[in-house]
Amino acid sequence: MTLQDIETKALQLSKPDRWQLVHCLLDSLRRDITQDEDQTQSVLENLNSIYSQESSDIDPALAQAQLAALPHEDW
């Protein structure tokens, strides 16, 4: 079913039923947003936990190897 089909069906509903549909859709969207925010917070907490114990500095040997791999450019 396409979005256009859904819109056509929705317009066939009575006005009170259309409002009920709107409320149901808004509630569903609110739940999705809340779940996304909760998941984002969880990921952030996990990263903060890791980086409170581990350094986020680039390994000096890796940084040197990356610089050595770059071609020389005259500015």
N, C-alpha and C. Protein backbone atom coordinates (compact mmCIF):
# COMPACT_ATOMS: atom_id res chain seq x y z
N MET A 1 0.85 -1.17 0.00
CA MET A 1 0.00 0.00 0.00
C MET A 1 0.90 1.24 0.00
N THR A 2 0.62 2.15 -0.91
CA THR A 2 1.42 3.37 -1.00
C THR A 2 0.89 4.44 -0.06
N LEU A 3 1.67 5.46 0.12
CA LEU A 3 1.24 6.57 0.95
C LEU A 3 -0.01 7.23 0.38
N GLN A 4 -0.07 7.30 -0.94
CA GLN A 4 -1.25 7.88 -1.59
C GLN A 4 -2.49 7.02 -1.31
N ASP A 5 -2.33 5.68 -1.32
CA ASP A 5 -3.45 4.79 -1.00
C ASP A 5 -3.92 5.02 0.43
N ILE A 6 -2.97 5.17 1.32
CA ILE A 6 -3.31 5.40 2.74
C ILE A 6 -4.04 6.72 2.90
N GLU A 7 -3.56 7.75 2.20
CA GLU A 7 -4.22 9.05 2.27
C GLU A 7 -5.64 8.96 1.74
N THR A 8 -5.83 8.27 0.64
CA THR A 8 -7.16 8.11 0.06
C THR A 8 -8.09 7.41 1.05
N LYS A 9 -7.61 6.34 1.66
CA LYS A 9 -8.42 5.61 2.66
C LYS A 9 -8.73 6.50 3.85
N ALA A 10 -7.73 7.27 4.31
CA ALA A 10 -7.92 8.13 5.47
C ALA A 10 -8.99 9.18 5.19
N LEU A 11 -8.99 9.71 3.98
CA LEU A 11 -9.99 10.73 3.63
C LEU A 11 -11.40 10.17 3.55
N GLN A 12 -11.51 8.86 3.44
CA GLN A 12 -12.82 8.21 3.41
C GLN A 12 -13.38 8.02 4.83
N LEU A 13 -12.55 8.20 5.83
CA LEU A 13 -12.99 8.04 7.22
C LEU A 13 -13.82 9.25 7.65
N SER A 14 -14.61 9.04 8.67
CA SER A 14 -15.35 10.17 9.24
C SER A 14 -14.34 11.10 9.92
N LYS A 15 -14.76 12.34 10.14
CA LYS A 15 -13.87 13.32 10.75
C LYS A 15 -13.36 12.85 12.12
N PRO A 16 -14.21 12.34 13.00
CA PRO A 16 -13.70 11.85 14.29
C PRO A 16 -12.69 10.71 14.13
N ASP A 17 -12.94 9.83 13.16
CA ASP A 17 -11.99 8.73 12.94
C ASP A 17 -10.67 9.23 12.38
N ARG A 18 -10.72 10.27 11.54
CA ARG A 18 -9.47 10.85 11.03
C ARG A 18 -8.67 11.46 12.16
N TRP A 19 -9.35 12.15 13.09
CA TRP A 19 -8.64 12.73 14.23
C TRP A 19 -8.05 11.63 15.11
N GLN A 20 -8.77 10.55 15.26
CA GLN A 20 -8.24 9.42 16.04
C GLN A 20 -6.99 8.87 15.36
N LEU A 21 -7.01 8.79 14.04
CA LEU A 21 -5.85 8.33 13.28
C LEU A 21 -4.67 9.27 13.49
N VAL A 22 -4.92 10.57 13.44
CA VAL A 22 -3.86 11.56 13.66
C VAL A 22 -3.25 11.37 15.05
N HIS A 23 -4.08 11.22 16.05
CA HIS A 23 -3.58 11.03 17.42
C HIS A 23 -2.75 9.75 17.53
N CYS A 24 -3.21 8.69 16.90
CA CYS A 24 -2.46 7.43 16.93
C CYS A 24 -1.09 7.58 16.26
N LEU A 25 -1.07 8.27 15.12
CA LEU A 25 0.20 8.48 14.42
C LEU A 25 1.15 9.34 15.25
N LEU A 26 0.63 10.40 15.87
CA LEU A 26 1.47 11.25 16.72
C LEU A 26 2.02 10.47 17.91
N ASP A 27 1.20 9.66 18.54
CA ASP A 27 1.66 8.83 19.66
C ASP A 27 2.77 7.88 19.21
N SER A 28 2.60 7.29 18.05
CA SER A 28 3.61 6.38 17.52
C SER A 28 4.92 7.12 17.26
N LEU A 29 4.83 8.30 16.69
CA LEU A 29 6.04 9.09 16.43
C LEU A 29 6.73 9.51 17.72
N ARG A 30 5.94 9.88 18.72
CA ARG A 30 6.52 10.25 20.02
C ARG A 30 7.27 9.07 20.64
N ARG A 31 6.70 7.88 20.55
CA ARG A 31 7.37 6.70 21.09
C ARG A 31 8.68 6.44 20.37
N ASP A 32 8.67 6.58 19.04
CA ASP A 32 9.89 6.38 18.25
C ASP A 32 10.97 7.37 18.65
N ILE A 33 10.58 8.63 18.82
CA ILE A 33 11.55 9.67 19.19
C ILE A 33 12.12 9.37 20.57
N THR A 34 11.28 8.98 21.50
CA THR A 34 11.74 8.66 22.85
C THR A 34 12.71 7.49 22.83
N GLN A 35 12.40 6.46 22.03
CA GLN A 35 13.30 5.31 21.93
C GLN A 35 14.63 5.72 21.33
N ASP A 36 14.61 6.58 20.31
CA ASP A 36 15.85 7.06 19.69
C ASP A 36 16.68 7.84 20.70
N GLU A 37 16.03 8.70 21.48
CA GLU A 37 16.74 9.48 22.49
C GLU A 37 17.33 8.57 23.55
N ASP A 38 16.59 7.56 23.97
CA ASP A 38 17.09 6.61 24.96
C ASP A 38 18.29 5.86 24.43
N GLN A 39 18.23 5.44 23.16
CA GLN A 39 19.33 4.71 22.55
C GLN A 39 20.56 5.61 22.43
N THR A 40 20.36 6.86 22.03
CA THR A 40 21.46 7.80 21.91
C THR A 40 22.11 8.02 23.27
N GLN A 41 21.31 8.17 24.30
CA GLN A 41 21.84 8.36 25.65
C GLN A 41 22.64 7.15 26.09
N SER A 42 22.15 5.96 25.78
CA SER A 42 22.85 4.73 26.14
C SER A 42 24.20 4.64 25.45
N VAL A 43 24.24 4.96 24.17
CA VAL A 43 25.52 4.93 23.42
C VAL A 43 26.48 5.96 24.01
N LEU A 44 25.97 7.15 24.31
CA LEU A 44 26.81 8.20 24.89
C LEU A 44 27.38 7.76 26.24
N GLU A 45 26.56 7.15 27.06
CA GLU A 45 27.03 6.67 28.37
C GLU A 45 28.10 5.60 28.20
N ASN A 46 27.92 4.69 27.24
CA ASN A 46 28.92 3.65 27.00
C ASN A 46 30.24 4.26 26.53
N LEU A 47 30.17 5.21 25.62
CA LEU A 47 31.40 5.85 25.13
C LEU A 47 32.10 6.62 26.26
N ASN A 48 31.32 7.34 27.05
CA ASN A 48 31.91 8.06 28.18
C ASN A 48 32.58 7.11 29.15
N SER A 49 31.98 5.96 29.36
CA SER A 49 32.56 4.96 30.26
C SER A 49 33.89 4.46 29.71
N ILE A 50 33.92 4.19 28.42
CA ILE A 50 35.16 3.70 27.79
C ILE A 50 36.25 4.76 27.85
N TYR A 51 35.92 5.99 27.43
CA TYR A 51 36.93 7.03 27.34
C TYR A 51 37.31 7.62 28.70
N SER A 52 36.59 7.28 29.75
CA SER A 52 37.02 7.69 31.08
C SER A 52 38.16 6.78 31.56
N GLN A 53 38.30 5.61 30.90
CA GLN A 53 39.34 4.65 31.29
C GLN A 53 40.45 4.54 30.24
N GLU A 54 40.11 4.81 29.00
CA GLU A 54 41.06 4.66 27.89
C GLU A 54 41.37 6.03 27.30
N SER A 55 42.61 6.19 26.87
CA SER A 55 43.00 7.42 26.22
C SER A 55 42.42 7.47 24.81
N SER A 56 42.02 8.65 24.40
CA SER A 56 41.53 8.81 23.03
C SER A 56 42.59 9.43 22.13
N ASP A 57 43.80 9.57 22.66
CA ASP A 57 44.91 10.12 21.87
C ASP A 57 45.30 9.15 20.77
N ILE A 58 45.74 9.72 19.66
CA ILE A 58 46.23 8.89 18.56
C ILE A 58 47.60 8.35 18.94
N ASP A 59 47.81 7.09 18.65
CA ASP A 59 49.09 6.46 18.91
C ASP A 59 50.17 7.21 18.13
N PRO A 60 51.24 7.65 18.78
CA PRO A 60 52.27 8.42 18.09
C PRO A 60 52.87 7.68 16.88
N ALA A 61 53.07 6.37 16.99
CA ALA A 61 53.63 5.60 15.88
C ALA A 61 52.66 5.61 14.69
N LEU A 62 51.37 5.49 14.96
CA LEU A 62 50.36 5.51 13.91
C LEU A 62 50.32 6.89 13.25
N ALA A 63 50.36 7.94 14.04
CA ALA A 63 50.36 9.30 13.51
C ALA A 63 51.58 9.53 12.62
N GLN A 64 52.75 9.05 13.04
CA GLN A 64 53.97 9.20 12.26
C GLN A 64 53.86 8.43 10.94
N ALA A 65 53.32 7.22 10.99
CA ALA A 65 53.16 6.41 9.78
C ALA A 65 52.19 7.08 8.81
N GLN A 66 51.11 7.67 9.34
CA GLN A 66 50.16 8.37 8.47
C GLN A 66 50.81 9.57 7.80
N LEU A 67 51.57 10.33 8.56
CA LEU A 67 52.25 11.49 7.99
C LEU A 67 53.27 11.08 6.94
N ALA A 68 53.98 9.99 7.19
CA ALA A 68 54.99 9.51 6.24
C ALA A 68 54.34 9.04 4.94
N ALA A 69 53.10 8.58 5.01
CA ALA A 69 52.42 8.05 3.82
C ALA A 69 51.87 9.17 2.92
N LEU A 70 51.78 10.38 3.46
CA LEU A 70 51.25 11.49 2.67
C LEU A 70 52.32 12.03 1.72
N PRO A 71 51.91 12.37 0.49
CA PRO A 71 52.89 12.95 -0.43
C PRO A 71 53.24 14.37 0.01
N HIS A 72 54.44 14.79 -0.31
CA HIS A 72 54.88 16.14 0.05
C HIS A 72 54.16 17.16 -0.82
N GLU A 73 53.70 18.24 -0.22
CA GLU A 73 53.04 19.31 -0.96
C GLU A 73 53.71 20.64 -0.63
N ASP A 74 53.99 21.40 -1.66
CA ASP A 74 54.52 22.75 -1.46
C ASP A 74 53.35 23.72 -1.37
N TRP A 75 53.39 24.56 -0.37
CA TRP A 75 52.31 25.53 -0.19
C TRP A 75 52.75 26.86 -0.68
